[in-house]
Amino acid sequence: MAFYANSVQPAAPGTTNDVMTLTAAANRKVRLVELSVCGLGTSSAANELGVKRPGDLGVTPTNQSSIPLDPDCGTVAATVATGWTTQPSLGTVAMLRLGCNSNGAIYRWVATPGMEIILRTNNITSCSQLSMRFTTGGAGPMGVHIVFEEF
């Protein structure tokens, strides 16, 4: 089992662009096992990170390198985008909603074994991508971190 991690630098949350988008590679599956959001601001502001499968997939991503948690695992084929030319389009139903105050709060979601969020390749429907986007956001900087397994 190969586990990988990605993090984004703390920034003021926006509600129109994904903070991160995890995409499964061809002929592979991805299992999201952990997600955390943290506030690094100096004043209180309510924030909520929505985790959703997009209705329409994003186009032309700016990908971030994933870091293997075991130095002996191979290169990851899945991608984690931190920007898009065309953002994924999202519906209103979230798989997860993580609320977090920007004044130093942390929300850490760890999947119960067997209840992880699974992604698989499919270029027509949204089973291959998972969008992480703030649904509400204040001015305080927020950081996001994920751990996933590729198999």
N, C-alpha and C. Protein backbone atom coordinates (compact mmCIF):
# COMPACT_ATOMS: atom_id res chain seq x y z
N MET A 1 0.84 -1.17 0.00
CA MET A 1 0.00 0.00 0.00
C MET A 1 0.89 1.24 0.00
N ALA A 2 0.60 2.13 -0.93
CA ALA A 2 1.39 3.35 -1.05
C ALA A 2 0.53 4.55 -0.63
N PHE A 3 0.98 5.27 0.39
CA PHE A 3 0.28 6.45 0.89
C PHE A 3 1.07 7.70 0.53
N TYR A 4 0.32 8.77 0.20
CA TYR A 4 0.92 10.03 -0.22
C TYR A 4 0.23 11.18 0.51
N ALA A 5 0.91 12.32 0.61
CA ALA A 5 0.37 13.49 1.29
C ALA A 5 0.53 14.72 0.41
N ASN A 6 -0.41 15.64 0.58
CA ASN A 6 -0.36 16.95 -0.06
C ASN A 6 -0.87 18.00 0.91
N SER A 7 -0.31 19.19 0.83
CA SER A 7 -0.75 20.32 1.64
C SER A 7 -0.73 21.58 0.79
N VAL A 8 -1.59 22.53 1.15
CA VAL A 8 -1.54 23.83 0.49
C VAL A 8 -1.16 24.87 1.52
N GLN A 9 -0.45 25.88 1.06
CA GLN A 9 -0.05 26.98 1.93
C GLN A 9 -1.29 27.72 2.43
N PRO A 10 -1.28 28.14 3.67
CA PRO A 10 -2.42 28.89 4.20
C PRO A 10 -2.68 30.16 3.39
N ALA A 11 -3.96 30.35 3.06
CA ALA A 11 -4.38 31.54 2.32
C ALA A 11 -5.82 31.85 2.69
N ALA A 12 -6.24 33.07 2.43
CA ALA A 12 -7.63 33.43 2.67
C ALA A 12 -8.52 32.58 1.77
N PRO A 13 -9.54 31.94 2.33
CA PRO A 13 -10.36 31.04 1.53
C PRO A 13 -11.27 31.77 0.56
N GLY A 14 -11.30 31.27 -0.66
CA GLY A 14 -12.26 31.74 -1.65
C GLY A 14 -13.30 30.66 -1.88
N THR A 15 -14.45 31.02 -2.38
CA THR A 15 -15.53 30.05 -2.55
C THR A 15 -15.80 29.68 -4.01
N THR A 16 -14.99 30.17 -4.94
CA THR A 16 -15.23 29.88 -6.35
C THR A 16 -14.21 28.92 -6.96
N ASN A 17 -13.09 28.69 -6.29
CA ASN A 17 -12.04 27.81 -6.82
C ASN A 17 -11.72 26.71 -5.82
N ASP A 18 -11.39 25.53 -6.36
CA ASP A 18 -10.95 24.43 -5.49
C ASP A 18 -9.64 24.80 -4.80
N VAL A 19 -9.53 24.42 -3.54
CA VAL A 19 -8.25 24.51 -2.84
C VAL A 19 -7.36 23.38 -3.34
N MET A 20 -7.96 22.19 -3.47
CA MET A 20 -7.29 21.02 -4.01
C MET A 20 -8.32 20.18 -4.75
N THR A 21 -7.86 19.46 -5.77
CA THR A 21 -8.70 18.49 -6.47
C THR A 21 -7.87 17.23 -6.63
N LEU A 22 -8.33 16.14 -6.06
CA LEU A 22 -7.65 14.85 -6.16
C LEU A 22 -8.25 14.09 -7.34
N THR A 23 -7.40 13.58 -8.24
CA THR A 23 -7.86 12.87 -9.43
C THR A 23 -7.15 11.52 -9.52
N ALA A 24 -7.93 10.46 -9.70
CA ALA A 24 -7.37 9.12 -9.88
C ALA A 24 -6.79 9.00 -11.28
N ALA A 25 -5.69 8.25 -11.40
CA ALA A 25 -5.05 8.02 -12.70
C ALA A 25 -5.71 6.86 -13.42
N ALA A 26 -5.43 6.74 -14.72
CA ALA A 26 -5.98 5.65 -15.52
C ALA A 26 -5.63 4.30 -14.91
N ASN A 27 -6.62 3.43 -14.85
CA ASN A 27 -6.47 2.05 -14.35
C ASN A 27 -6.00 1.97 -12.90
N ARG A 28 -6.25 3.01 -12.12
CA ARG A 28 -5.89 3.04 -10.71
C ARG A 28 -7.08 3.51 -9.89
N LYS A 29 -7.04 3.23 -8.60
CA LYS A 29 -8.01 3.76 -7.65
C LYS A 29 -7.27 4.55 -6.59
N VAL A 30 -7.97 5.48 -5.99
CA VAL A 30 -7.43 6.31 -4.91
C VAL A 30 -8.42 6.24 -3.76
N ARG A 31 -7.88 6.16 -2.56
CA ARG A 31 -8.69 6.12 -1.35
C ARG A 31 -8.26 7.29 -0.47
N LEU A 32 -9.17 8.26 -0.24
CA LEU A 32 -8.88 9.37 0.66
C LEU A 32 -9.04 8.86 2.09
N VAL A 33 -7.97 8.94 2.88
CA VAL A 33 -8.01 8.41 4.24
C VAL A 33 -7.98 9.49 5.31
N GLU A 34 -7.51 10.69 4.97
CA GLU A 34 -7.44 11.75 5.96
C GLU A 34 -7.50 13.11 5.28
N LEU A 35 -8.17 14.03 5.95
CA LEU A 35 -8.28 15.41 5.46
C LEU A 35 -8.32 16.31 6.68
N SER A 36 -7.50 17.35 6.66
CA SER A 36 -7.55 18.31 7.77
C SER A 36 -7.54 19.72 7.22
N VAL A 37 -8.20 20.59 7.98
CA VAL A 37 -8.24 22.01 7.65
C VAL A 37 -7.90 22.77 8.92
N CYS A 38 -7.08 23.80 8.78
CA CYS A 38 -6.67 24.54 9.98
C CYS A 38 -6.68 26.03 9.71
N GLY A 39 -7.03 26.77 10.75
CA GLY A 39 -7.04 28.23 10.68
C GLY A 39 -5.76 28.80 11.23
N LEU A 40 -5.19 29.74 10.51
CA LEU A 40 -3.93 30.35 10.93
C LEU A 40 -4.04 31.87 10.98
N GLY A 41 -5.26 32.35 11.23
CA GLY A 41 -5.48 33.79 11.27
C GLY A 41 -5.32 34.36 12.67
N THR A 42 -5.49 35.66 12.78
CA THR A 42 -5.38 36.35 14.06
C THR A 42 -6.72 36.87 14.56
N SER A 43 -7.79 36.62 13.77
CA SER A 43 -9.13 37.01 14.22
C SER A 43 -10.11 35.91 13.83
N SER A 44 -11.24 35.89 14.52
CA SER A 44 -12.23 34.85 14.35
C SER A 44 -13.04 35.04 13.07
N ALA A 45 -13.21 33.97 12.30
CA ALA A 45 -14.07 33.97 11.11
C ALA A 45 -14.48 32.54 10.83
N ALA A 46 -15.77 32.34 10.55
CA ALA A 46 -16.28 31.00 10.25
C ALA A 46 -15.90 30.60 8.83
N ASN A 47 -15.49 29.34 8.68
CA ASN A 47 -15.13 28.79 7.37
C ASN A 47 -15.69 27.38 7.28
N GLU A 48 -16.03 26.95 6.08
CA GLU A 48 -16.47 25.58 5.87
C GLU A 48 -15.86 25.07 4.58
N LEU A 49 -15.20 23.90 4.66
CA LEU A 49 -14.63 23.26 3.48
C LEU A 49 -15.58 22.16 3.04
N GLY A 50 -16.05 22.26 1.81
CA GLY A 50 -16.93 21.22 1.25
C GLY A 50 -16.10 20.25 0.42
N VAL A 51 -16.39 18.96 0.57
CA VAL A 51 -15.73 17.92 -0.20
C VAL A 51 -16.81 17.30 -1.09
N LYS A 52 -16.65 17.46 -2.40
CA LYS A 52 -17.71 17.07 -3.34
C LYS A 52 -17.12 16.38 -4.56
N ARG A 53 -17.94 15.53 -5.17
CA ARG A 53 -17.61 15.00 -6.50
C ARG A 53 -18.15 16.03 -7.51
N PRO A 54 -17.33 16.47 -8.45
CA PRO A 54 -17.82 17.47 -9.40
C PRO A 54 -18.83 16.91 -10.39
N GLY A 55 -19.73 17.78 -10.85
CA GLY A 55 -20.66 17.41 -11.91
C GLY A 55 -19.95 17.37 -13.25
N ASP A 56 -19.09 18.35 -13.48
CA ASP A 56 -18.25 18.40 -14.68
C ASP A 56 -16.81 18.50 -14.23
N LEU A 57 -15.95 17.70 -14.84
CA LEU A 57 -14.55 17.65 -14.45
C LEU A 57 -13.82 18.95 -14.80
N GLY A 58 -12.79 19.25 -14.02
CA GLY A 58 -11.96 20.41 -14.30
C GLY A 58 -11.12 20.20 -15.55
N VAL A 59 -10.68 21.30 -16.16
CA VAL A 59 -9.90 21.25 -17.40
C VAL A 59 -8.57 21.99 -17.18
N THR A 60 -7.49 21.39 -17.62
CA THR A 60 -6.13 21.93 -17.56
C THR A 60 -5.70 22.30 -16.14
N PRO A 61 -5.33 21.28 -15.36
CA PRO A 61 -4.93 21.52 -13.97
C PRO A 61 -3.51 22.03 -13.83
N THR A 62 -3.26 22.69 -12.69
CA THR A 62 -1.91 22.99 -12.23
C THR A 62 -1.68 22.03 -11.08
N ASN A 63 -0.84 21.03 -11.31
CA ASN A 63 -0.67 19.96 -10.32
C ASN A 63 0.47 20.23 -9.35
N GLN A 64 0.28 19.72 -8.15
CA GLN A 64 1.28 19.80 -7.08
C GLN A 64 1.88 18.41 -6.92
N SER A 65 3.15 18.31 -6.62
CA SER A 65 3.78 17.01 -6.39
C SER A 65 3.29 16.42 -5.08
N SER A 66 2.93 15.14 -5.13
CA SER A 66 2.53 14.42 -3.91
C SER A 66 3.77 13.83 -3.27
N ILE A 67 3.79 13.81 -1.95
CA ILE A 67 4.94 13.32 -1.19
C ILE A 67 4.65 11.91 -0.68
N PRO A 68 5.49 10.91 -1.01
CA PRO A 68 5.26 9.56 -0.48
C PRO A 68 5.56 9.52 1.02
N LEU A 69 4.69 8.87 1.78
CA LEU A 69 4.93 8.74 3.22
C LEU A 69 5.97 7.66 3.51
N ASP A 70 6.11 6.71 2.60
CA ASP A 70 7.15 5.68 2.69
C ASP A 70 8.15 5.97 1.58
N PRO A 71 9.42 6.24 1.90
CA PRO A 71 10.39 6.58 0.85
C PRO A 71 10.63 5.47 -0.15
N ASP A 72 10.18 4.25 0.15
CA ASP A 72 10.37 3.14 -0.77
C ASP A 72 9.21 2.94 -1.73
N CYS A 73 8.13 3.76 -1.60
CA CYS A 73 7.04 3.59 -2.56
C CYS A 73 7.40 4.26 -3.87
N GLY A 74 6.75 3.79 -4.92
CA GLY A 74 7.02 4.34 -6.25
C GLY A 74 6.38 5.70 -6.44
N THR A 75 6.55 6.19 -7.64
CA THR A 75 5.97 7.48 -8.00
C THR A 75 4.46 7.34 -8.10
N VAL A 76 3.76 8.34 -7.61
CA VAL A 76 2.30 8.32 -7.64
C VAL A 76 1.81 8.69 -9.04
N ALA A 77 0.72 8.04 -9.48
CA ALA A 77 0.12 8.35 -10.78
C ALA A 77 -1.06 9.31 -10.62
N ALA A 78 -1.72 9.28 -9.47
CA ALA A 78 -2.81 10.22 -9.21
C ALA A 78 -2.27 11.64 -9.17
N THR A 79 -3.15 12.61 -9.40
CA THR A 79 -2.72 14.01 -9.37
C THR A 79 -3.52 14.80 -8.34
N VAL A 80 -2.89 15.83 -7.82
CA VAL A 80 -3.55 16.77 -6.91
C VAL A 80 -3.37 18.16 -7.52
N ALA A 81 -4.48 18.73 -7.98
CA ALA A 81 -4.44 20.05 -8.61
C ALA A 81 -4.69 21.12 -7.57
N THR A 82 -3.96 22.21 -7.69
CA THR A 82 -4.19 23.37 -6.83
C THR A 82 -4.65 24.57 -7.64
N GLY A 83 -4.90 24.36 -8.92
CA GLY A 83 -5.42 25.40 -9.79
C GLY A 83 -5.91 24.79 -11.09
N TRP A 84 -6.83 25.49 -11.76
CA TRP A 84 -7.42 25.01 -13.00
C TRP A 84 -7.58 26.17 -13.97
N THR A 85 -7.50 25.89 -15.27
CA THR A 85 -7.92 26.86 -16.27
C THR A 85 -9.44 26.96 -16.22
N THR A 86 -10.11 25.79 -16.17
CA THR A 86 -11.56 25.73 -15.98
C THR A 86 -11.82 24.88 -14.74
N GLN A 87 -12.37 25.49 -13.70
CA GLN A 87 -12.64 24.81 -12.43
C GLN A 87 -13.68 23.71 -12.61
N PRO A 88 -13.62 22.63 -11.81
CA PRO A 88 -14.71 21.65 -11.81
C PRO A 88 -16.00 22.35 -11.38
N SER A 89 -17.12 21.92 -11.97
CA SER A 89 -18.41 22.50 -11.53
C SER A 89 -18.98 21.59 -10.45
N LEU A 90 -19.45 22.22 -9.38
CA LEU A 90 -19.91 21.47 -8.21
C LEU A 90 -21.40 21.66 -7.99
N GLY A 91 -22.04 20.60 -7.50
CA GLY A 91 -23.44 20.68 -7.10
C GLY A 91 -23.54 21.18 -5.67
N THR A 92 -24.71 21.03 -5.09
CA THR A 92 -24.93 21.54 -3.74
C THR A 92 -24.71 20.50 -2.65
N VAL A 93 -24.66 19.22 -3.01
CA VAL A 93 -24.54 18.16 -2.02
C VAL A 93 -23.06 17.84 -1.76
N ALA A 94 -22.66 17.92 -0.51
CA ALA A 94 -21.27 17.63 -0.13
C ALA A 94 -21.18 16.25 0.51
N MET A 95 -20.09 15.54 0.25
CA MET A 95 -19.82 14.27 0.92
C MET A 95 -19.37 14.54 2.35
N LEU A 96 -18.59 15.61 2.51
CA LEU A 96 -18.12 16.05 3.83
C LEU A 96 -18.23 17.56 3.89
N ARG A 97 -18.49 18.07 5.08
CA ARG A 97 -18.47 19.51 5.34
C ARG A 97 -17.65 19.69 6.61
N LEU A 98 -16.51 20.34 6.47
CA LEU A 98 -15.62 20.52 7.60
C LEU A 98 -15.61 21.99 8.00
N GLY A 99 -16.19 22.30 9.14
CA GLY A 99 -16.22 23.67 9.64
C GLY A 99 -14.99 23.95 10.47
N CYS A 100 -14.44 25.14 10.30
CA CYS A 100 -13.22 25.49 11.03
C CYS A 100 -13.10 27.00 11.16
N ASN A 101 -12.80 27.47 12.36
CA ASN A 101 -12.60 28.89 12.59
C ASN A 101 -11.19 29.28 12.14
N SER A 102 -11.06 30.44 11.53
CA SER A 102 -9.75 30.84 11.02
C SER A 102 -8.80 31.32 12.11
N ASN A 103 -9.28 31.41 13.34
CA ASN A 103 -8.43 31.87 14.44
C ASN A 103 -7.85 30.69 15.22
N GLY A 104 -7.11 29.83 14.54
CA GLY A 104 -6.36 28.78 15.21
C GLY A 104 -7.06 27.44 15.38
N ALA A 105 -8.24 27.24 14.83
CA ALA A 105 -8.94 25.97 14.98
C ALA A 105 -8.41 24.93 13.99
N ILE A 106 -8.60 23.66 14.32
CA ILE A 106 -8.22 22.55 13.45
C ILE A 106 -9.38 21.56 13.39
N TYR A 107 -9.71 21.10 12.18
CA TYR A 107 -10.68 20.02 12.02
C TYR A 107 -9.96 18.92 11.26
N ARG A 108 -9.86 17.74 11.86
CA ARG A 108 -9.19 16.61 11.22
C ARG A 108 -10.20 15.50 11.03
N TRP A 109 -10.42 15.11 9.77
CA TRP A 109 -11.31 14.00 9.44
C TRP A 109 -10.44 12.81 9.08
N VAL A 110 -10.65 11.69 9.76
CA VAL A 110 -9.95 10.45 9.45
C VAL A 110 -11.02 9.41 9.17
N ALA A 111 -10.95 8.77 8.01
CA ALA A 111 -11.97 7.81 7.61
C ALA A 111 -11.95 6.58 8.52
N THR A 112 -13.13 6.12 8.89
CA THR A 112 -13.26 4.84 9.57
C THR A 112 -12.86 3.77 8.57
N PRO A 113 -12.08 2.75 8.97
CA PRO A 113 -11.68 1.71 8.01
C PRO A 113 -12.90 1.13 7.28
N GLY A 114 -12.81 1.08 5.97
CA GLY A 114 -13.90 0.61 5.13
C GLY A 114 -14.84 1.73 4.68
N MET A 115 -14.70 2.92 5.24
CA MET A 115 -15.57 4.05 4.90
C MET A 115 -14.81 5.17 4.19
N GLU A 116 -13.66 4.87 3.62
CA GLU A 116 -12.87 5.86 2.92
C GLU A 116 -13.60 6.31 1.65
N ILE A 117 -13.28 7.48 1.15
CA ILE A 117 -13.84 7.97 -0.10
C ILE A 117 -12.97 7.42 -1.23
N ILE A 118 -13.59 6.71 -2.17
CA ILE A 118 -12.87 6.03 -3.25
C ILE A 118 -13.06 6.80 -4.56
N LEU A 119 -11.99 6.95 -5.30
CA LEU A 119 -12.02 7.53 -6.65
C LEU A 119 -11.52 6.49 -7.62
N ARG A 120 -12.10 6.46 -8.80
CA ARG A 120 -11.61 5.58 -9.86
C ARG A 120 -11.71 6.31 -11.18
N THR A 121 -10.94 5.85 -12.16
CA THR A 121 -10.90 6.52 -13.45
C THR A 121 -12.23 6.42 -14.17
N ASN A 122 -12.70 7.54 -14.65
CA ASN A 122 -13.87 7.61 -15.52
C ASN A 122 -13.89 9.03 -16.05
N ASN A 123 -13.62 9.19 -17.32
CA ASN A 123 -13.54 10.52 -17.91
C ASN A 123 -14.89 11.13 -18.23
N ILE A 124 -15.97 10.36 -18.07
CA ILE A 124 -17.29 10.86 -18.41
C ILE A 124 -18.03 11.35 -17.18
N THR A 125 -17.90 10.65 -16.07
CA THR A 125 -18.60 11.05 -14.85
C THR A 125 -17.60 11.48 -13.79
N SER A 126 -18.13 11.86 -12.65
CA SER A 126 -17.29 12.48 -11.63
C SER A 126 -16.64 11.50 -10.66
N CYS A 127 -16.62 10.21 -10.97
CA CYS A 127 -16.01 9.25 -10.02
C CYS A 127 -14.50 9.38 -9.91
N SER A 128 -13.87 10.10 -10.83
CA SER A 128 -12.41 10.17 -10.83
C SER A 128 -11.86 11.39 -10.09
N GLN A 129 -12.71 12.36 -9.76
CA GLN A 129 -12.22 13.57 -9.10
C GLN A 129 -12.96 13.83 -7.80
N LEU A 130 -12.23 14.46 -6.88
CA LEU A 130 -12.80 14.89 -5.60
C LEU A 130 -12.36 16.33 -5.38
N SER A 131 -13.32 17.24 -5.30
CA SER A 131 -13.04 18.66 -5.13
C SER A 131 -13.11 19.05 -3.67
N MET A 132 -12.15 19.86 -3.24
CA MET A 132 -12.14 20.44 -1.91
C MET A 132 -12.17 21.95 -2.08
N ARG A 133 -13.30 22.55 -1.72
CA ARG A 133 -13.52 23.99 -1.96
C ARG A 133 -14.26 24.57 -0.75
N PHE A 134 -13.86 25.75 -0.35
CA PHE A 134 -14.57 26.40 0.75
C PHE A 134 -15.95 26.83 0.28
N THR A 135 -16.96 26.55 1.10
CA THR A 135 -18.33 26.96 0.79
C THR A 135 -18.67 28.27 1.48
N THR A 136 -18.02 28.54 2.59
CA THR A 136 -18.08 29.84 3.24
C THR A 136 -16.66 30.15 3.68
N GLY A 137 -16.34 31.42 3.72
CA GLY A 137 -14.98 31.75 4.11
C GLY A 137 -14.84 33.17 4.59
N GLY A 138 -13.99 33.31 5.59
CA GLY A 138 -13.65 34.62 6.11
C GLY A 138 -12.34 35.11 5.53
N ALA A 139 -11.75 36.07 6.15
CA ALA A 139 -10.52 36.66 5.63
C ALA A 139 -9.27 35.99 6.18
N GLY A 140 -9.40 35.19 7.24
CA GLY A 140 -8.23 34.57 7.85
C GLY A 140 -7.66 33.43 7.01
N PRO A 141 -6.34 33.25 7.01
CA PRO A 141 -5.73 32.17 6.22
C PRO A 141 -6.09 30.79 6.74
N MET A 142 -6.33 29.89 5.79
CA MET A 142 -6.69 28.50 6.09
C MET A 142 -5.75 27.56 5.33
N GLY A 143 -5.31 26.50 6.00
CA GLY A 143 -4.48 25.49 5.36
C GLY A 143 -5.26 24.20 5.21
N VAL A 144 -4.94 23.40 4.21
CA VAL A 144 -5.60 22.12 3.96
C VAL A 144 -4.53 21.07 3.70
N HIS A 145 -4.76 19.87 4.26
CA HIS A 145 -3.81 18.76 4.13
C HIS A 145 -4.60 17.48 3.87
N ILE A 146 -4.11 16.63 2.95
CA ILE A 146 -4.75 15.34 2.69
C ILE A 146 -3.73 14.21 2.74
N VAL A 147 -4.22 13.02 3.04
CA VAL A 147 -3.44 11.79 2.93
C VAL A 147 -4.30 10.82 2.13
N PHE A 148 -3.72 10.23 1.10
CA PHE A 148 -4.46 9.28 0.28
C PHE A 148 -3.60 8.07 -0.07
N GLU A 149 -4.29 7.00 -0.42
CA GLU A 149 -3.63 5.76 -0.84
C GLU A 149 -3.97 5.52 -2.29
N GLU A 150 -2.98 5.12 -3.06
CA GLU A 150 -3.22 4.75 -4.47
C GLU A 150 -3.03 3.25 -4.61
N PHE A 151 -3.97 2.61 -5.29
CA PHE A 151 -3.86 1.16 -5.48
C PHE A 151 -4.43 0.76 -6.82
